[in-house]
């Protein structure tokens, strides 16, 4: 009986450790050739209290975000004025986490508009 309890506790501990690693691992920084590319018309742009910049594209069920983008100098009002209603190119890493198990929220690695790079954290 004592051995069964020990095995159960070890199994639970390994599961908890694996879950913690999956949840708390950082979003990978990828090269341009390894990034997933999506284009779309910008429907809305807004900020969060954590200083993230959120992009919503027309006819796309994903939400895209730049982590702490406002702290990096991105201005919400300027992005809205410049991009709403226009097509942009978004590049992001292939990445999965249990916190977003259906991949509806994507971390942006690069944003391009009219041959201008608005944001880039891709590896060279």
PDB file of N, CA and C in Angstrom:
ATOM      1  N   UNK A   1       0.822  -1.193   0.000  1.00  0.00           N
ATOM      2  CA  UNK A   1       0.000   0.000   0.000  1.00  0.00           C
ATOM      3  C   UNK A   1       0.869   1.261   0.000  1.00  0.00           C
ATOM      4  N   UNK A   2       1.916   1.243   0.836  1.00  0.00           N
ATOM      5  CA  UNK A   2       2.792   2.394   0.933  1.00  0.00           C
ATOM      6  C   UNK A   2       3.516   2.646  -0.395  1.00  0.00           C
ATOM      7  N   UNK A   3       3.891   1.559  -1.082  1.00  0.00           N
ATOM      8  CA  UNK A   3       4.567   1.667  -2.371  1.00  0.00           C
ATOM      9  C   UNK A   3       3.634   2.270  -3.431  1.00  0.00           C
ATOM     10  N   UNK A   4       2.366   1.913  -3.415  1.00  0.00           N
ATOM     11  CA  UNK A   4       1.378   2.459  -4.354  1.00  0.00           C
ATOM     12  C   UNK A   4       1.207   3.959  -4.141  1.00  0.00           C
ATOM     13  N   UNK A   5       1.167   4.385  -2.893  1.00  0.00           N
ATOM     14  CA  UNK A   5       1.034   5.813  -2.588  1.00  0.00           C
ATOM     15  C   UNK A   5       2.277   6.558  -3.073  1.00  0.00           C
ATOM     16  N   UNK A   6       3.453   5.979  -2.866  1.00  0.00           N
ATOM     17  CA  UNK A   6       4.693   6.609  -3.316  1.00  0.00           C
ATOM     18  C   UNK A   6       4.707   6.748  -4.831  1.00  0.00           C
ATOM     19  N   UNK A   7       4.334   5.690  -5.567  1.00  0.00           N
ATOM     20  CA  UNK A   7       4.276   5.758  -7.025  1.00  0.00           C
ATOM     21  C   UNK A   7       3.265   6.803  -7.481  1.00  0.00           C
ATOM     22  N   UNK A   8       2.145   6.881  -6.817  1.00  0.00           N
ATOM     23  CA  UNK A   8       1.116   7.876  -7.168  1.00  0.00           C
ATOM     24  C   UNK A   8       1.639   9.290  -6.967  1.00  0.00           C
ATOM     25  N   UNK A   9       2.322   9.526  -5.860  1.00  0.00           N
ATOM     26  CA  UNK A   9       2.868  10.854  -5.587  1.00  0.00           C
ATOM     27  C   UNK A   9       3.951  11.224  -6.591  1.00  0.00           C
ATOM     28  N   UNK A  10       4.791  10.269  -6.958  1.00  0.00           N
ATOM     29  CA  UNK A  10       5.836  10.522  -7.953  1.00  0.00           C
ATOM     30  C   UNK A  10       5.189  10.842  -9.305  1.00  0.00           C
ATOM     31  N   UNK A  11       4.168  10.095  -9.676  1.00  0.00           N
ATOM     32  CA  UNK A  11       3.470  10.333 -10.941  1.00  0.00           C
ATOM     33  C   UNK A  11       2.824  11.716 -10.951  1.00  0.00           C
ATOM     34  N   UNK A  12       2.171  12.085  -9.886  1.00  0.00           N
ATOM     35  CA  UNK A  12       1.546  13.412  -9.784  1.00  0.00           C
ATOM     36  C   UNK A  12       2.627  14.494  -9.848  1.00  0.00           C
ATOM     37  N   UNK A  13       3.726  14.286  -9.157  1.00  0.00           N
ATOM     38  CA  UNK A  13       4.821  15.257  -9.172  1.00  0.00           C
ATOM     39  C   UNK A  13       5.406  15.437 -10.560  1.00  0.00           C
ATOM     40  N   UNK A  14       5.624  14.338 -11.294  1.00  0.00           N
ATOM     41  CA  UNK A  14       6.152  14.425 -12.659  1.00  0.00           C
ATOM     42  C   UNK A  14       5.170  15.128 -13.589  1.00  0.00           C
ATOM     43  N   UNK A  15       3.886  14.837 -13.419  1.00  0.00           N
ATOM     44  CA  UNK A  15       2.868  15.515 -14.223  1.00  0.00           C
ATOM     45  C   UNK A  15       2.868  17.017 -13.942  1.00  0.00           C
ATOM     46  N   UNK A  16       2.929  17.389 -12.667  1.00  0.00           N
ATOM     47  CA  UNK A  16       2.934  18.810 -12.294  1.00  0.00           C
ATOM     48  C   UNK A  16       4.179  19.514 -12.837  1.00  0.00           C
ATOM     49  N   UNK A  17       5.326  18.857 -12.770  1.00  0.00           N
ATOM     50  CA  UNK A  17       6.560  19.437 -13.299  1.00  0.00           C
ATOM     51  C   UNK A  17       6.468  19.627 -14.812  1.00  0.00           C
ATOM     52  N   UNK A  18       5.967  18.639 -15.522  1.00  0.00           N
ATOM     53  CA  UNK A  18       5.803  18.736 -16.971  1.00  0.00           C
ATOM     54  C   UNK A  18       4.845  19.864 -17.329  1.00  0.00           C
ATOM     55  N   UNK A  19       3.732  19.957 -16.618  1.00  0.00           N
ATOM     56  CA  UNK A  19       2.763  21.033 -16.873  1.00  0.00           C
ATOM     57  C   UNK A  19       3.388  22.400 -16.622  1.00  0.00           C
ATOM     58  N   UNK A  20       4.154  22.526 -15.553  1.00  0.00           N
ATOM     59  CA  UNK A  20       4.794  23.807 -15.240  1.00  0.00           C
ATOM     60  C   UNK A  20       5.784  24.204 -16.327  1.00  0.00           C
ATOM     61  N   UNK A  21       6.550  23.249 -16.831  1.00  0.00           N
ATOM     62  CA  UNK A  21       7.504  23.538 -17.903  1.00  0.00           C
ATOM     63  C   UNK A  21       6.764  24.004 -19.152  1.00  0.00           C
ATOM     64  N   UNK A  22       5.666  23.349 -19.506  1.00  0.00           N
ATOM     65  CA  UNK A  22       4.901  23.740 -20.689  1.00  0.00           C
ATOM     66  C   UNK A  22       4.258  25.108 -20.537  1.00  0.00           C
ATOM     67  N   UNK A  23       3.771  25.422 -19.356  1.00  0.00           N
ATOM     68  CA  UNK A  23       3.073  26.686 -19.122  1.00  0.00           C
ATOM     69  C   UNK A  23       4.043  27.855 -19.047  1.00  0.00           C
ATOM     70  N   UNK A  24       5.155  27.683 -18.361  1.00  0.00           N
ATOM     71  CA  UNK A  24       6.038  28.806 -18.072  1.00  0.00           C
ATOM     72  C   UNK A  24       7.239  28.948 -19.004  1.00  0.00           C
ATOM     73  N   UNK A  25       7.353  28.108 -20.012  1.00  0.00           N
ATOM     74  CA  UNK A  25       8.468  28.262 -20.947  1.00  0.00           C
ATOM     75  C   UNK A  25       8.242  29.514 -21.789  1.00  0.00           C
ATOM     76  N   UNK A  26       9.302  30.204 -22.158  1.00  0.00           N
ATOM     77  CA  UNK A  26       9.138  31.442 -22.931  1.00  0.00           C
ATOM     78  C   UNK A  26       8.757  31.157 -24.383  1.00  0.00           C
ATOM     79  N   UNK A  27       8.142  32.140 -25.012  1.00  0.00           N
ATOM     80  CA  UNK A  27       7.842  32.047 -26.436  1.00  0.00           C
ATOM     81  C   UNK A  27       9.168  32.047 -27.178  1.00  0.00           C
ATOM     82  N   UNK A  28       9.383  31.117 -28.100  1.00  0.00           N
ATOM     83  CA  UNK A  28      10.667  31.065 -28.793  1.00  0.00           C
ATOM     84  C   UNK A  28      10.852  32.238 -29.747  1.00  0.00           C
ATOM     85  N   UNK A  29      12.077  32.701 -29.873  1.00  0.00           N
ATOM     86  CA  UNK A  29      12.448  33.703 -30.867  1.00  0.00           C
ATOM     87  C   UNK A  29      13.013  32.919 -32.051  1.00  0.00           C
ATOM     88  N   UNK A  30      12.375  33.058 -33.211  1.00  0.00           N
ATOM     89  CA  UNK A  30      12.740  32.246 -34.373  1.00  0.00           C
ATOM     90  C   UNK A  30      13.365  33.111 -35.463  1.00  0.00           C
ATOM     91  N   UNK A  31      13.914  32.443 -36.464  1.00  0.00           N
ATOM     92  CA  UNK A  31      14.425  33.147 -37.638  1.00  0.00           C
ATOM     93  C   UNK A  31      13.258  33.434 -38.587  1.00  0.00           C
ATOM     94  N   UNK A  32      13.492  34.333 -39.506  1.00  0.00           N
ATOM     95  CA  UNK A  32      12.434  34.711 -40.451  1.00  0.00           C
ATOM     96  C   UNK A  32      11.947  33.504 -41.255  1.00  0.00           C
ATOM     97  N   UNK A  33      12.869  32.643 -41.668  1.00  0.00           N
ATOM     98  CA  UNK A  33      12.456  31.496 -42.493  1.00  0.00           C
ATOM     99  C   UNK A  33      11.652  30.461 -41.701  1.00  0.00           C
ATOM    100  N   UNK A  34      11.754  30.473 -40.375  1.00  0.00           N
ATOM    101  CA  UNK A  34      10.990  29.532 -39.548  1.00  0.00           C
ATOM    102  C   UNK A  34       9.687  30.116 -39.006  1.00  0.00           C
ATOM    103  N   UNK A  35       9.427  31.366 -39.308  1.00  0.00           N
ATOM    104  CA  UNK A  35       8.214  32.008 -38.802  1.00  0.00           C
ATOM    105  C   UNK A  35       7.018  31.675 -39.685  1.00  0.00           C
ATOM    106  N   UNK A  36       5.856  31.623 -39.071  1.00  0.00           N
ATOM    107  CA  UNK A  36       4.597  31.470 -39.794  1.00  0.00           C
ATOM    108  C   UNK A  36       4.170  32.862 -40.238  1.00  0.00           C
ATOM    109  N   UNK A  37       3.679  32.978 -41.468  1.00  0.00           N
ATOM    110  CA  UNK A  37       3.308  34.268 -42.033  1.00  0.00           C
ATOM    111  C   UNK A  37       1.801  34.325 -42.263  1.00  0.00           C
ATOM    112  N   UNK A  38       1.178  35.396 -41.794  1.00  0.00           N
ATOM    113  CA  UNK A  38      -0.232  35.653 -42.071  1.00  0.00           C
ATOM    114  C   UNK A  38      -0.386  37.096 -42.507  1.00  0.00           C
ATOM    115  N   UNK A  39      -1.257  37.307 -43.478  1.00  0.00           N
ATOM    116  CA  UNK A  39      -1.590  38.663 -43.887  1.00  0.00           C
ATOM    117  C   UNK A  39      -3.066  38.886 -43.611  1.00  0.00           C
ATOM    118  N   UNK A  40      -3.422  40.132 -43.391  1.00  0.00           N
ATOM    119  CA  UNK A  40      -4.821  40.438 -43.156  1.00  0.00           C
ATOM    120  C   UNK A  40      -5.055  41.923 -43.001  1.00  0.00           C
ATOM    121  N   UNK A  41      -6.333  42.275 -43.107  1.00  0.00           N
ATOM    122  CA  UNK A  41      -6.765  43.662 -42.933  1.00  0.00           C
ATOM    123  C   UNK A  41      -6.971  43.906 -41.448  1.00  0.00           C
ATOM    124  N   UNK A  42      -6.387  44.992 -40.937  1.00  0.00           N
ATOM    125  CA  UNK A  42      -6.488  45.315 -39.516  1.00  0.00           C
ATOM    126  C   UNK A  42      -7.898  45.825 -39.203  1.00  0.00           C
ATOM    127  N   UNK A  43      -8.552  45.136 -38.291  1.00  0.00           N
ATOM    128  CA  UNK A  43      -9.897  45.521 -37.839  1.00  0.00           C
ATOM    129  C   UNK A  43      -9.810  46.449 -36.629  1.00  0.00           C
ATOM    130  N   UNK A  44      -8.948  46.097 -35.686  1.00  0.00           N
ATOM    131  CA  UNK A  44      -8.770  46.949 -34.506  1.00  0.00           C
ATOM    132  C   UNK A  44      -7.404  46.709 -33.881  1.00  0.00           C
ATOM    133  N   UNK A  45      -6.973  47.718 -33.140  1.00  0.00           N
ATOM    134  CA  UNK A  45      -5.719  47.665 -32.386  1.00  0.00           C
ATOM    135  C   UNK A  45      -6.008  48.302 -31.041  1.00  0.00           C
ATOM    136  N   UNK A  46      -5.571  47.650 -29.977  1.00  0.00           N
ATOM    137  CA  UNK A  46      -5.752  48.237 -28.651  1.00  0.00           C
ATOM    138  C   UNK A  46      -4.643  47.765 -27.726  1.00  0.00           C
ATOM    139  N   UNK A  47      -4.514  48.444 -26.604  1.00  0.00           N
ATOM    140  CA  UNK A  47      -3.506  48.098 -25.622  1.00  0.00           C
ATOM    141  C   UNK A  47      -4.136  47.448 -24.409  1.00  0.00           C
ATOM    142  N   UNK A  48      -3.295  46.809 -23.620  1.00  0.00           N
ATOM    143  CA  UNK A  48      -3.744  46.205 -22.369  1.00  0.00           C
ATOM    144  C   UNK A  48      -3.076  46.910 -21.205  1.00  0.00           C
ATOM    145  N   UNK A  49      -3.535  46.627 -20.006  1.00  0.00           N
ATOM    146  CA  UNK A  49      -2.916  47.230 -18.826  1.00  0.00           C
ATOM    147  C   UNK A  49      -1.485  46.738 -18.626  1.00  0.00           C
ATOM    148  N   UNK A  50      -1.116  45.618 -19.262  1.00  0.00           N
ATOM    149  CA  UNK A  50       0.252  45.101 -19.202  1.00  0.00           C
ATOM    150  C   UNK A  50       1.139  45.693 -20.290  1.00  0.00           C
ATOM    151  N   UNK A  51       0.617  46.692 -21.018  1.00  0.00           N
ATOM    152  CA  UNK A  51       1.354  47.388 -22.077  1.00  0.00           C
ATOM    153  C   UNK A  51       1.541  46.549 -23.336  1.00  0.00           C
ATOM    154  N   UNK A  52       0.741  45.459 -23.473  1.00  0.00           N
ATOM    155  CA  UNK A  52       0.756  44.680 -24.706  1.00  0.00           C
ATOM    156  C   UNK A  52       0.008  45.450 -25.791  1.00  0.00           C
ATOM    157  N   UNK A  53       0.338  45.178 -27.048  1.00  0.00           N
ATOM    158  CA  UNK A  53      -0.383  45.749 -28.180  1.00  0.00           C
ATOM    159  C   UNK A  53      -1.115  44.599 -28.869  1.00  0.00           C
ATOM    160  N   UNK A  54      -2.427  44.722 -28.985  1.00  0.00           N
ATOM    161  CA  UNK A  54      -3.270  43.664 -29.532  1.00  0.00           C
ATOM    162  C   UNK A  54      -3.735  44.057 -30.934  1.00  0.00           C
ATOM    163  N   UNK A  55      -3.611  43.125 -31.882  1.00  0.00           N
ATOM    164  CA  UNK A  55      -4.075  43.314 -33.252  1.00  0.00           C
ATOM    165  C   UNK A  55      -5.198  42.307 -33.519  1.00  0.00           C
ATOM    166  N   UNK A  56      -6.303  42.803 -34.064  1.00  0.00           N
ATOM    167  CA  UNK A  56      -7.401  41.946 -34.500  1.00  0.00           C
ATOM    168  C   UNK A  56      -7.542  42.157 -36.004  1.00  0.00           C
ATOM    169  N   UNK A  57      -7.516  41.059 -36.756  1.00  0.00           N
ATOM    170  CA  UNK A  57      -7.631  41.119 -38.214  1.00  0.00           C
ATOM    171  C   UNK A  57      -9.029  40.703 -38.647  1.00  0.00           C
ATOM    172  N   UNK A  58      -9.496  41.288 -39.740  1.00  0.00           N
ATOM    173  CA  UNK A  58     -10.790  40.911 -40.293  1.00  0.00           C
ATOM    174  C   UNK A  58     -10.756  39.454 -40.745  1.00  0.00           C
ATOM    175  N   UNK A  59     -11.867  38.757 -40.555  1.00  0.00           N
ATOM    176  CA  UNK A  59     -12.031  37.370 -41.004  1.00  0.00           C
ATOM    177  C   UNK A  59     -10.939  36.434 -40.493  1.00  0.00           C
ATOM    178  N   UNK A  60     -10.488  36.678 -39.280  1.00  0.00           N
ATOM    179  CA  UNK A  60      -9.460  35.833 -38.668  1.00  0.00           C
ATOM    180  C   UNK A  60      -9.856  35.624 -37.214  1.00  0.00           C
ATOM    181  N   UNK A  61      -9.944  34.381 -36.797  1.00  0.00           N
ATOM    182  CA  UNK A  61     -10.391  34.096 -35.428  1.00  0.00           C
ATOM    183  C   UNK A  61      -9.258  34.134 -34.398  1.00  0.00           C
ATOM    184  N   UNK A  62      -8.046  34.449 -34.845  1.00  0.00           N
ATOM    185  CA  UNK A  62      -6.923  34.582 -33.918  1.00  0.00           C
ATOM    186  C   UNK A  62      -6.785  36.036 -33.463  1.00  0.00           C
ATOM    187  N   UNK A  63      -6.196  36.192 -32.293  1.00  0.00           N
ATOM    188  CA  UNK A  63      -5.798  37.503 -31.796  1.00  0.00           C
ATOM    189  C   UNK A  63      -4.277  37.497 -31.748  1.00  0.00           C
ATOM    190  N   UNK A  64      -3.664  38.575 -32.200  1.00  0.00           N
ATOM    191  CA  UNK A  64      -2.214  38.675 -32.244  1.00  0.00           C
ATOM    192  C   UNK A  64      -1.770  39.745 -31.263  1.00  0.00           C
ATOM    193  N   UNK A  65      -0.630  39.523 -30.613  1.00  0.00           N
ATOM    194  CA  UNK A  65      -0.170  40.515 -29.641  1.00  0.00           C
ATOM    195  C   UNK A  65       1.343  40.681 -29.683  1.00  0.00           C
ATOM    196  N   UNK A  66       1.773  41.911 -29.352  1.00  0.00           N
ATOM    197  CA  UNK A  66       3.184  42.206 -29.138  1.00  0.00           C
ATOM    198  C   UNK A  66       3.336  42.391 -27.638  1.00  0.00           C
ATOM    199  N   UNK A  67       4.061  41.497 -27.018  1.00  0.00           N
ATOM    200  CA  UNK A  67       4.256  41.532 -25.574  1.00  0.00           C
ATOM    201  C   UNK A  67       4.997  42.804 -25.167  1.00  0.00           C
ATOM    202  N   UNK A  68       4.391  43.578 -24.283  1.00  0.00           N
ATOM    203  CA  UNK A  68       4.976  44.824 -23.771  1.00  0.00           C
ATOM    204  C   UNK A  68       5.350  45.810 -24.895  1.00  0.00           C
ATOM    205  N   UNK A  69       4.585  45.771 -25.978  1.00  0.00           N
ATOM    206  CA  UNK A  69       4.874  46.614 -27.136  1.00  0.00           C
ATOM    207  C   UNK A  69       4.870  48.099 -26.838  1.00  0.00           C
ATOM    208  N   UNK A  70       3.991  48.535 -25.931  1.00  0.00           N
ATOM    209  CA  UNK A  70       3.947  49.959 -25.595  1.00  0.00           C
ATOM    210  C   UNK A  70       5.213  50.390 -24.851  1.00  0.00           C
ATOM    211  N   UNK A  71       5.813  49.481 -24.111  1.00  0.00           N
ATOM    212  CA  UNK A  71       7.065  49.789 -23.423  1.00  0.00           C
ATOM    213  C   UNK A  71       8.226  49.898 -24.413  1.00  0.00           C
ATOM    214  N   UNK A  72       8.042  49.329 -25.615  1.00  0.00           N
ATOM    215  CA  UNK A  72       9.082  49.380 -26.646  1.00  0.00           C
ATOM    216  C   UNK A  72       8.883  50.553 -27.594  1.00  0.00           C
ATOM    217  N   UNK A  73       7.960  51.440 -27.256  1.00  0.00           N
ATOM    218  CA  UNK A  73       7.774  52.640 -28.058  1.00  0.00           C
ATOM    219  C   UNK A  73       6.632  52.604 -29.063  1.00  0.00           C
ATOM    220  N   UNK A  74       5.888  51.512 -29.129  1.00  0.00           N
ATOM    221  CA  UNK A  74       4.751  51.463 -30.046  1.00  0.00           C
ATOM    222  C   UNK A  74       3.587  52.257 -29.450  1.00  0.00           C
ATOM    223  N   UNK A  75       3.065  53.195 -30.220  1.00  0.00           N
ATOM    224  CA  UNK A  75       1.969  54.051 -29.781  1.00  0.00           C
ATOM    225  C   UNK A  75       0.658  53.538 -30.370  1.00  0.00           C
ATOM    226  N   UNK A  76      -0.303  53.225 -29.506  1.00  0.00           N
ATOM    227  CA  UNK A  76      -1.582  52.668 -29.948  1.00  0.00           C
ATOM    228  C   UNK A  76      -2.275  53.604 -30.936  1.00  0.00           C
ATOM    229  N   UNK A  77      -2.395  54.886 -30.597  1.00  0.00           N
ATOM    230  CA  UNK A  77      -3.113  55.827 -31.469  1.00  0.00           C
ATOM    231  C   UNK A  77      -2.446  55.954 -32.837  1.00  0.00           C
ATOM    232  N   UNK A  78      -1.133  55.953 -32.872  1.00  0.00           N
ATOM    233  CA  UNK A  78      -0.414  56.041 -34.146  1.00  0.00           C
ATOM    234  C   UNK A  78      -0.633  54.782 -34.986  1.00  0.00           C
ATOM    235  N   UNK A  79      -0.571  53.609 -34.336  1.00  0.00           N
ATOM    236  CA  UNK A  79      -0.820  52.347 -35.053  1.00  0.00           C
ATOM    237  C   UNK A  79      -2.247  52.300 -35.588  1.00  0.00           C
ATOM    238  N   UNK A  80      -3.208  52.733 -34.793  1.00  0.00           N
ATOM    239  CA  UNK A  80      -4.602  52.754 -35.238  1.00  0.00           C
ATOM    240  C   UNK A  80      -4.765  53.653 -36.462  1.00  0.00           C
ATOM    241  N   UNK A  81      -4.227  54.858 -36.386  1.00  0.00           N
ATOM    242  CA  UNK A  81      -4.336  55.815 -37.491  1.00  0.00           C
ATOM    243  C   UNK A  81      -3.700  55.267 -38.771  1.00  0.00           C
ATOM    244  N   UNK A  82      -2.589  54.609 -38.615  1.00  0.00           N
ATOM    245  CA  UNK A  82      -1.812  54.139 -39.756  1.00  0.00           C
ATOM    246  C   UNK A  82      -2.333  52.830 -40.354  1.00  0.00           C
ATOM    247  N   UNK A  83      -2.866  51.930 -39.505  1.00  0.00           N
ATOM    248  CA  UNK A  83      -3.101  50.557 -39.959  1.00  0.00           C
ATOM    249  C   UNK A  83      -4.559  50.116 -40.085  1.00  0.00           C
ATOM    250  N   UNK A  84      -5.477  50.713 -39.364  1.00  0.00           N
ATOM    251  CA  UNK A  84      -6.869  50.222 -39.400  1.00  0.00           C
ATOM    252  C   UNK A  84      -7.397  50.324 -40.833  1.00  0.00           C
ATOM    253  N   UNK A  85      -7.911  49.204 -41.305  1.00  0.00           N
ATOM    254  CA  UNK A  85      -8.452  49.132 -42.662  1.00  0.00           C
ATOM    255  C   UNK A  85      -7.425  48.776 -43.716  1.00  0.00           C
ATOM    256  N   UNK A  86      -6.170  48.660 -43.332  1.00  0.00           N
ATOM    257  CA  UNK A  86      -5.111  48.317 -44.278  1.00  0.00           C
ATOM    258  C   UNK A  86      -4.572  46.917 -44.012  1.00  0.00           C
ATOM    259  N   UNK A  87      -3.911  46.361 -45.027  1.00  0.00           N
ATOM    260  CA  UNK A  87      -3.351  45.015 -44.921  1.00  0.00           C
ATOM    261  C   UNK A  87      -1.952  45.067 -44.316  1.00  0.00           C
ATOM    262  N   UNK A  88      -1.698  44.169 -43.370  1.00  0.00           N
ATOM    263  CA  UNK A  88      -0.376  44.028 -42.770  1.00  0.00           C
ATOM    264  C   UNK A  88       0.083  42.577 -42.909  1.00  0.00           C
ATOM    265  N   UNK A  89       1.363  42.385 -42.698  1.00  0.00           N
ATOM    266  CA  UNK A  89       1.951  41.045 -42.662  1.00  0.00           C
ATOM    267  C   UNK A  89       2.424  40.813 -41.237  1.00  0.00           C
ATOM    268  N   UNK A  90       1.984  39.695 -40.661  1.00  0.00           N
ATOM    269  CA  UNK A  90       2.380  39.311 -39.306  1.00  0.00           C
ATOM    270  C   UNK A  90       3.157  38.009 -39.398  1.00  0.00           C
ATOM    271  N   UNK A  91       4.272  37.966 -38.688  1.00  0.00           N
ATOM    272  CA  UNK A  91       5.079  36.742 -38.618  1.00  0.00           C
ATOM    273  C   UNK A  91       5.189  36.340 -37.161  1.00  0.00           C
ATOM    274  N   UNK A  92       5.043  35.040 -36.903  1.00  0.00           N
ATOM    275  CA  UNK A  92       5.060  34.551 -35.526  1.00  0.00           C
ATOM    276  C   UNK A  92       5.596  33.123 -35.462  1.00  0.00           C
ATOM    277  N   UNK A  93       6.071  32.699 -34.294  1.00  0.00           N
ATOM    278  CA  UNK A  93       6.628  31.346 -34.170  1.00  0.00           C
ATOM    279  C   UNK A  93       5.534  30.293 -34.013  1.00  0.00           C
ATOM    280  N   UNK A  94       5.849  29.092 -34.442  1.00  0.00           N
ATOM    281  CA  UNK A  94       4.992  27.950 -34.144  1.00  0.00           C
ATOM    282  C   UNK A  94       5.254  27.611 -32.692  1.00  0.00           C
ATOM    283  N   UNK A  95       4.204  27.639 -31.902  1.00  0.00           N
ATOM    284  CA  UNK A  95       4.372  27.522 -30.462  1.00  0.00           C
ATOM    285  C   UNK A  95       3.062  27.061 -29.847  1.00  0.00           C
ATOM    286  N   UNK A  96       3.146  26.165 -28.867  1.00  0.00           N
ATOM    287  CA  UNK A  96       1.942  25.691 -28.200  1.00  0.00           C
ATOM    288  C   UNK A  96       2.137  25.765 -26.694  1.00  0.00           C
ATOM    289  N   UNK A  97       1.068  26.149 -26.004  1.00  0.00           N
ATOM    290  CA  UNK A  97       1.054  26.165 -24.550  1.00  0.00           C
ATOM    291  C   UNK A  97      -0.327  25.744 -24.073  1.00  0.00           C
ATOM    292  N   UNK A  98      -0.408  25.078 -22.944  1.00  0.00           N
ATOM    293  CA  UNK A  98      -1.725  24.693 -22.416  1.00  0.00           C
ATOM    294  C   UNK A  98      -2.608  25.897 -22.092  1.00  0.00           C
ATOM    295  N   UNK A  99      -2.004  27.061 -21.881  1.00  0.00           N
ATOM    296  CA  UNK A  99      -2.798  28.258 -21.602  1.00  0.00           C
ATOM    297  C   UNK A  99      -3.561  28.725 -22.842  1.00  0.00           C
ATOM    298  N   UNK A 100      -3.096  28.326 -24.015  1.00  0.00           N
ATOM    299  CA  UNK A 100      -3.753  28.643 -25.282  1.00  0.00           C
ATOM    300  C   UNK A 100      -3.804  27.368 -26.114  1.00  0.00           C
ATOM    301  N   UNK A 101      -4.497  26.385 -25.628  1.00  0.00           N
ATOM    302  CA  UNK A 101      -4.485  25.053 -26.219  1.00  0.00           C
ATOM    303  C   UNK A 101      -5.013  25.008 -27.653  1.00  0.00           C
ATOM    304  N   UNK A 102      -5.839  25.981 -28.063  1.00  0.00           N
ATOM    305  CA  UNK A 102      -6.377  25.967 -29.419  1.00  0.00           C
ATOM    306  C   UNK A 102      -5.730  27.016 -30.334  1.00  0.00           C
ATOM    307  N   UNK A 103      -4.613  27.591 -29.896  1.00  0.00           N
ATOM    308  CA  UNK A 103      -3.810  28.524 -30.706  1.00  0.00           C
ATOM    309  C   UNK A 103      -4.599  29.726 -31.217  1.00  0.00           C
ATOM    310  N   UNK A 104      -5.391  30.336 -30.372  1.00  0.00           N
ATOM    311  CA  UNK A 104      -6.191  31.506 -30.745  1.00  0.00           C
ATOM    312  C   UNK A 104      -5.478  32.820 -30.452  1.00  0.00           C
ATOM    313  N   UNK A 105      -4.433  32.793 -29.641  1.00  0.00           N
ATOM    314  CA  UNK A 105      -3.684  33.997 -29.292  1.00  0.00           C
ATOM    315  C   UNK A 105      -2.239  33.775 -29.719  1.00  0.00           C
ATOM    316  N   UNK A 106      -1.763  34.578 -30.661  1.00  0.00           N
ATOM    317  CA  UNK A 106      -0.431  34.387 -31.223  1.00  0.00           C
ATOM    318  C   UNK A 106       0.485  35.554 -30.878  1.00  0.00           C
ATOM    319  N   UNK A 107       1.675  35.220 -30.447  1.00  0.00           N
ATOM    320  CA  UNK A 107       2.715  36.193 -30.119  1.00  0.00           C
ATOM    321  C   UNK A 107       3.362  36.666 -31.416  1.00  0.00           C
ATOM    322  N   UNK A 108       3.363  37.957 -31.658  1.00  0.00           N
ATOM    323  CA  UNK A 108       3.918  38.510 -32.894  1.00  0.00           C
ATOM    324  C   UNK A 108       5.435  38.656 -32.772  1.00  0.00           C
ATOM    325  N   UNK A 109       6.129  38.191 -33.814  1.00  0.00           N
ATOM    326  CA  UNK A 109       7.572  38.373 -33.907  1.00  0.00           C
ATOM    327  C   UNK A 109       7.947  39.497 -34.862  1.00  0.00           C
ATOM    328  N   UNK A 110       7.072  39.753 -35.853  1.00  0.00           N
ATOM    329  CA  UNK A 110       7.366  40.824 -36.811  1.00  0.00           C
ATOM    330  C   UNK A 110       6.065  41.338 -37.418  1.00  0.00           C
ATOM    331  N   UNK A 111       5.982  42.663 -37.602  1.00  0.00           N
ATOM    332  CA  UNK A 111       4.846  43.298 -38.277  1.00  0.00           C
ATOM    333  C   UNK A 111       5.402  44.162 -39.401  1.00  0.00           C
ATOM    334  N   UNK A 112       4.847  43.956 -40.603  1.00  0.00           N
ATOM    335  CA  UNK A 112       5.256  44.738 -41.768  1.00  0.00           C
ATOM    336  C   UNK A 112       4.035  45.404 -42.383  1.00  0.00           C
ATOM    337  N   UNK A 113       4.240  46.631 -42.895  1.00  0.00           N
ATOM    338  CA  UNK A 113       3.184  47.372 -43.577  1.00  0.00           C
ATOM    339  C   UNK A 113       3.825  48.192 -44.687  1.00  0.00           C
ATOM    340  N   UNK A 114       3.365  47.987 -45.911  1.00  0.00           N
ATOM    341  CA  UNK A 114       3.897  48.730 -47.060  1.00  0.00           C
ATOM    342  C   UNK A 114       5.427  48.742 -47.091  1.00  0.00           C
ATOM    343  N   UNK A 115       6.039  47.578 -47.019  1.00  0.00           N
ATOM    344  CA  UNK A 115       7.495  47.439 -47.049  1.00  0.00           C
ATOM    345  C   UNK A 115       8.211  48.121 -45.887  1.00  0.00           C
ATOM    346  N   UNK A 116       7.469  48.470 -44.844  1.00  0.00           N
ATOM    347  CA  UNK A 116       8.052  49.070 -43.638  1.00  0.00           C
ATOM    348  C   UNK A 116       7.929  48.066 -42.497  1.00  0.00           C
ATOM    349  N   UNK A 117       8.997  47.876 -41.756  1.00  0.00           N
ATOM    350  CA  UNK A 117       8.973  47.005 -40.591  1.00  0.00           C
ATOM    351  C   UNK A 117       8.584  47.857 -39.388  1.00  0.00           C
ATOM    352  N   UNK A 118       7.419  47.549 -38.800  1.00  0.00           N
ATOM    353  CA  UNK A 118       6.927  48.302 -37.643  1.00  0.00           C
ATOM    354  C   UNK A 118       7.415  47.715 -36.325  1.00  0.00           C
ATOM    355  N   UNK A 119       7.669  46.408 -36.339  1.00  0.00           N
ATOM    356  CA  UNK A 119       8.150  45.706 -35.148  1.00  0.00           C
ATOM    357  C   UNK A 119       8.897  44.473 -35.607  1.00  0.00           C
ATOM    358  N   UNK A 120      10.012  44.153 -34.939  1.00  0.00           N
ATOM    359  CA  UNK A 120      10.782  42.968 -35.298  1.00  0.00           C
ATOM    360  C   UNK A 120      11.577  42.456 -34.108  1.00  0.00           C
ATOM    361  N   UNK A 121      11.370  41.192 -33.765  1.00  0.00           N
ATOM    362  CA  UNK A 121      12.199  40.532 -32.764  1.00  0.00           C
ATOM    363  C   UNK A 121      12.706  39.186 -33.285  1.00  0.00           C
ATOM    364  N   UNK A 122      12.668  39.008 -34.604  1.00  0.00           N
ATOM    365  CA  UNK A 122      13.175  37.775 -35.209  1.00  0.00           C
ATOM    366  C   UNK A 122      14.690  37.708 -35.076  1.00  0.00           C
ATOM    367  N   UNK A 123      15.215  36.487 -35.001  1.00  0.00           N
ATOM    368  CA  UNK A 123      16.666  36.292 -35.025  1.00  0.00           C
ATOM    369  C   UNK A 123      17.177  36.583 -36.431  1.00  0.00           C
ATOM    370  N   UNK A 124      18.405  37.047 -36.501  1.00  0.00           N
ATOM    371  CA  UNK A 124      19.028  37.276 -37.825  1.00  0.00           C
ATOM    372  C   UNK A 124      19.504  35.997 -38.428  1.00  0.00           C
TER     373      UNK A 124
END
